[in-house]
């Protein structure tokens, strides 16, 4: 069973940048696709960005295309999301998720078997 732990959240002014990291551990982390979701109070988790196990394929929600960049370093079992041009509406708790997704839907939370504890991102205007 893979475990994931996020880090890198914080507070930033609009237009600023943050980089979130997600460290994976477990008996076999490499076949896992990894994604980032956000959650606002009282709402469902929403897909933001995902990356295939090899790093060769990436996916982005329309709201973050051109601003967020996901990458992974399989030598470090870590996935990153570089968040640039942040907006106040990006404020949320961000969760890292891992799942063995081959032909599935990266935006579907049920595809994932491991979730981190979440990290707060706050963007002020």
C-alpha atoms as a PDB file:
ATOM      1  CA  UNK A   1       0.000   0.000   0.000  1.00  0.00           C
ATOM      2  CA  UNK A   2       1.468   3.338  -1.046  1.00  0.00           C
ATOM      3  CA  UNK A   3       1.398   6.315   1.307  1.00  0.00           C
ATOM      4  CA  UNK A   4       1.662   9.956   0.264  1.00  0.00           C
ATOM      5  CA  UNK A   5       2.564  13.078   2.226  1.00  0.00           C
ATOM      6  CA  UNK A   6       2.179  16.629   0.937  1.00  0.00           C
ATOM      7  CA  UNK A   7       4.279  19.656   1.766  1.00  0.00           C
ATOM      8  CA  UNK A   8       4.813  23.179   0.501  1.00  0.00           C
ATOM      9  CA  UNK A   9       1.529  24.919   1.130  1.00  0.00           C
ATOM     10  CA  UNK A  10       1.345  28.406   2.542  1.00  0.00           C
ATOM     11  CA  UNK A  11       0.173  31.954   1.988  1.00  0.00           C
ATOM     12  CA  UNK A  12       1.045  34.123  -0.982  1.00  0.00           C
ATOM     13  CA  UNK A  13      -0.224  37.251  -2.638  1.00  0.00           C
ATOM     14  CA  UNK A  14      -2.089  37.139  -5.928  1.00  0.00           C
ATOM     15  CA  UNK A  15       0.306  36.725  -8.825  1.00  0.00           C
ATOM     16  CA  UNK A  16       2.783  34.825  -6.690  1.00  0.00           C
ATOM     17  CA  UNK A  17       3.971  31.238  -6.845  1.00  0.00           C
ATOM     18  CA  UNK A  18       4.115  28.147  -4.670  1.00  0.00           C
ATOM     19  CA  UNK A  19       5.467  24.668  -5.239  1.00  0.00           C
ATOM     20  CA  UNK A  20       3.754  21.716  -3.619  1.00  0.00           C
ATOM     21  CA  UNK A  21       5.511  18.404  -3.156  1.00  0.00           C
ATOM     22  CA  UNK A  22       4.089  14.940  -2.627  1.00  0.00           C
ATOM     23  CA  UNK A  23       6.391  12.224  -1.351  1.00  0.00           C
ATOM     24  CA  UNK A  24       5.269   8.651  -1.902  1.00  0.00           C
ATOM     25  CA  UNK A  25       6.421   5.632   0.043  1.00  0.00           C
ATOM     26  CA  UNK A  26       5.554   1.958   0.076  1.00  0.00           C
ATOM     27  CA  UNK A  27       6.547  -1.364  -1.393  1.00  0.00           C
ATOM     28  CA  UNK A  28       6.064  -0.257  -5.006  1.00  0.00           C
ATOM     29  CA  UNK A  29       5.372   3.357  -5.869  1.00  0.00           C
ATOM     30  CA  UNK A  30       6.402   3.517  -9.498  1.00  0.00           C
ATOM     31  CA  UNK A  31       3.249   2.112 -11.177  1.00  0.00           C
ATOM     32  CA  UNK A  32       1.136   4.774  -9.484  1.00  0.00           C
ATOM     33  CA  UNK A  33      -0.334   7.717 -11.298  1.00  0.00           C
ATOM     34  CA  UNK A  34      -0.352  10.799  -9.105  1.00  0.00           C
ATOM     35  CA  UNK A  35      -2.692  13.743  -9.016  1.00  0.00           C
ATOM     36  CA  UNK A  36      -3.577  16.866  -7.100  1.00  0.00           C
ATOM     37  CA  UNK A  37      -7.100  17.723  -6.046  1.00  0.00           C
ATOM     38  CA  UNK A  38      -8.430  20.743  -4.252  1.00  0.00           C
ATOM     39  CA  UNK A  39     -11.252  20.962  -1.768  1.00  0.00           C
ATOM     40  CA  UNK A  40     -13.202  23.982  -0.601  1.00  0.00           C
ATOM     41  CA  UNK A  41     -15.225  23.882   2.641  1.00  0.00           C
ATOM     42  CA  UNK A  42     -18.467  22.004   2.143  1.00  0.00           C
ATOM     43  CA  UNK A  43     -17.635  20.961  -1.405  1.00  0.00           C
ATOM     44  CA  UNK A  44     -16.437  17.846  -3.193  1.00  0.00           C
ATOM     45  CA  UNK A  45     -12.796  17.386  -4.078  1.00  0.00           C
ATOM     46  CA  UNK A  46     -11.987  18.701  -7.526  1.00  0.00           C
ATOM     47  CA  UNK A  47      -9.295  17.461  -9.867  1.00  0.00           C
ATOM     48  CA  UNK A  48      -6.591  20.006 -10.645  1.00  0.00           C
ATOM     49  CA  UNK A  49      -3.755  18.126 -12.318  1.00  0.00           C
ATOM     50  CA  UNK A  50      -2.422  14.598 -12.751  1.00  0.00           C
ATOM     51  CA  UNK A  51       0.573  12.750 -14.147  1.00  0.00           C
ATOM     52  CA  UNK A  52       1.018   9.193 -15.367  1.00  0.00           C
ATOM     53  CA  UNK A  53       3.382   6.802 -13.621  1.00  0.00           C
ATOM     54  CA  UNK A  54       6.074   7.365 -16.246  1.00  0.00           C
ATOM     55  CA  UNK A  55       5.606  11.124 -16.288  1.00  0.00           C
ATOM     56  CA  UNK A  56       4.916  10.997 -19.996  1.00  0.00           C
ATOM     57  CA  UNK A  57       1.308  12.151 -19.808  1.00  0.00           C
ATOM     58  CA  UNK A  58      -0.103  15.064 -17.859  1.00  0.00           C
ATOM     59  CA  UNK A  59      -3.608  16.366 -17.342  1.00  0.00           C
ATOM     60  CA  UNK A  60      -4.873  19.744 -16.201  1.00  0.00           C
ATOM     61  CA  UNK A  61      -8.198  21.235 -15.263  1.00  0.00           C
ATOM     62  CA  UNK A  62      -9.108  24.157 -17.496  1.00  0.00           C
ATOM     63  CA  UNK A  63      -8.890  26.528 -14.536  1.00  0.00           C
ATOM     64  CA  UNK A  64      -5.168  25.852 -14.038  1.00  0.00           C
ATOM     65  CA  UNK A  65      -3.915  25.258 -17.565  1.00  0.00           C
ATOM     66  CA  UNK A  66      -0.983  27.527 -18.326  1.00  0.00           C
ATOM     67  CA  UNK A  67      -0.493  28.355 -14.640  1.00  0.00           C
ATOM     68  CA  UNK A  68       0.209  25.007 -12.934  1.00  0.00           C
ATOM     69  CA  UNK A  69       2.861  22.518 -14.005  1.00  0.00           C
ATOM     70  CA  UNK A  70       3.000  18.985 -12.665  1.00  0.00           C
ATOM     71  CA  UNK A  71       6.146  16.873 -12.754  1.00  0.00           C
ATOM     72  CA  UNK A  72       7.569  13.825 -11.037  1.00  0.00           C
ATOM     73  CA  UNK A  73      10.970  12.494 -10.051  1.00  0.00           C
ATOM     74  CA  UNK A  74      10.699   8.738  -9.759  1.00  0.00           C
ATOM     75  CA  UNK A  75      14.220   8.532  -8.329  1.00  0.00           C
ATOM     76  CA  UNK A  76      12.889  10.473  -5.348  1.00  0.00           C
ATOM     77  CA  UNK A  77       9.334   9.037  -5.455  1.00  0.00           C
ATOM     78  CA  UNK A  78       8.094  12.611  -5.445  1.00  0.00           C
ATOM     79  CA  UNK A  79       5.574  14.567  -7.478  1.00  0.00           C
ATOM     80  CA  UNK A  80       5.584  18.333  -7.696  1.00  0.00           C
ATOM     81  CA  UNK A  81       3.129  20.966  -8.804  1.00  0.00           C
ATOM     82  CA  UNK A  82       4.503  24.388  -9.608  1.00  0.00           C
ATOM     83  CA  UNK A  83       1.720  26.908  -9.104  1.00  0.00           C
ATOM     84  CA  UNK A  84       2.305  30.252 -10.820  1.00  0.00           C
ATOM     85  CA  UNK A  85       0.154  33.349 -11.338  1.00  0.00           C
ATOM     86  CA  UNK A  86      -1.897  32.355  -8.328  1.00  0.00           C
ATOM     87  CA  UNK A  87      -5.340  33.866  -7.875  1.00  0.00           C
ATOM     88  CA  UNK A  88      -7.462  34.304  -4.741  1.00  0.00           C
ATOM     89  CA  UNK A  89      -9.834  31.649  -6.132  1.00  0.00           C
ATOM     90  CA  UNK A  90      -6.975  29.117  -5.953  1.00  0.00           C
ATOM     91  CA  UNK A  91      -7.323  29.253  -2.171  1.00  0.00           C
ATOM     92  CA  UNK A  92      -8.186  25.748  -0.937  1.00  0.00           C
ATOM     93  CA  UNK A  93      -6.809  22.659   0.742  1.00  0.00           C
ATOM     94  CA  UNK A  94      -4.808  20.679  -1.808  1.00  0.00           C
ATOM     95  CA  UNK A  95      -4.583  16.903  -1.637  1.00  0.00           C
ATOM     96  CA  UNK A  96      -2.152  14.545  -3.309  1.00  0.00           C
ATOM     97  CA  UNK A  97      -3.535  11.209  -4.477  1.00  0.00           C
ATOM     98  CA  UNK A  98      -2.027   8.025  -5.886  1.00  0.00           C
ATOM     99  CA  UNK A  99      -3.703   5.301  -7.905  1.00  0.00           C
ATOM    100  CA  UNK A 100      -2.958   2.579 -10.427  1.00  0.00           C
ATOM    101  CA  UNK A 101      -4.648   4.271 -13.348  1.00  0.00           C
ATOM    102  CA  UNK A 102      -4.065   2.746 -16.757  1.00  0.00           C
ATOM    103  CA  UNK A 103      -7.188   3.526 -18.765  1.00  0.00           C
ATOM    104  CA  UNK A 104      -9.256   5.232 -16.121  1.00  0.00           C
ATOM    105  CA  UNK A 105     -10.391   8.758 -15.465  1.00  0.00           C
ATOM    106  CA  UNK A 106      -7.846  10.854 -13.615  1.00  0.00           C
ATOM    107  CA  UNK A 107     -10.560  13.266 -12.499  1.00  0.00           C
ATOM    108  CA  UNK A 108     -12.495  10.535 -10.639  1.00  0.00           C
ATOM    109  CA  UNK A 109     -11.588  10.324  -6.946  1.00  0.00           C
ATOM    110  CA  UNK A 110     -12.528   6.620  -6.843  1.00  0.00           C
ATOM    111  CA  UNK A 111      -9.524   5.816  -9.077  1.00  0.00           C
ATOM    112  CA  UNK A 112      -7.172   6.634  -6.192  1.00  0.00           C
ATOM    113  CA  UNK A 113      -6.236   4.380  -3.303  1.00  0.00           C
ATOM    114  CA  UNK A 114      -4.011   6.698  -1.299  1.00  0.00           C
ATOM    115  CA  UNK A 115      -4.565  10.273  -0.185  1.00  0.00           C
ATOM    116  CA  UNK A 116      -2.410  12.690   1.721  1.00  0.00           C
ATOM    117  CA  UNK A 117      -3.525  14.742   4.696  1.00  0.00           C
ATOM    118  CA  UNK A 118      -3.847  17.919   2.653  1.00  0.00           C
ATOM    119  CA  UNK A 119      -1.985  21.202   2.634  1.00  0.00           C
ATOM    120  CA  UNK A 120      -3.521  24.665   2.790  1.00  0.00           C
ATOM    121  CA  UNK A 121      -2.899  27.174   0.016  1.00  0.00           C
ATOM    122  CA  UNK A 122      -4.082  30.728   0.678  1.00  0.00           C
ATOM    123  CA  UNK A 123      -3.851  33.449  -1.953  1.00  0.00           C
ATOM    124  CA  UNK A 124      -4.633  36.988  -0.868  1.00  0.00           C
ATOM    125  CA  UNK A 125      -5.662  39.804  -3.164  1.00  0.00           C
END
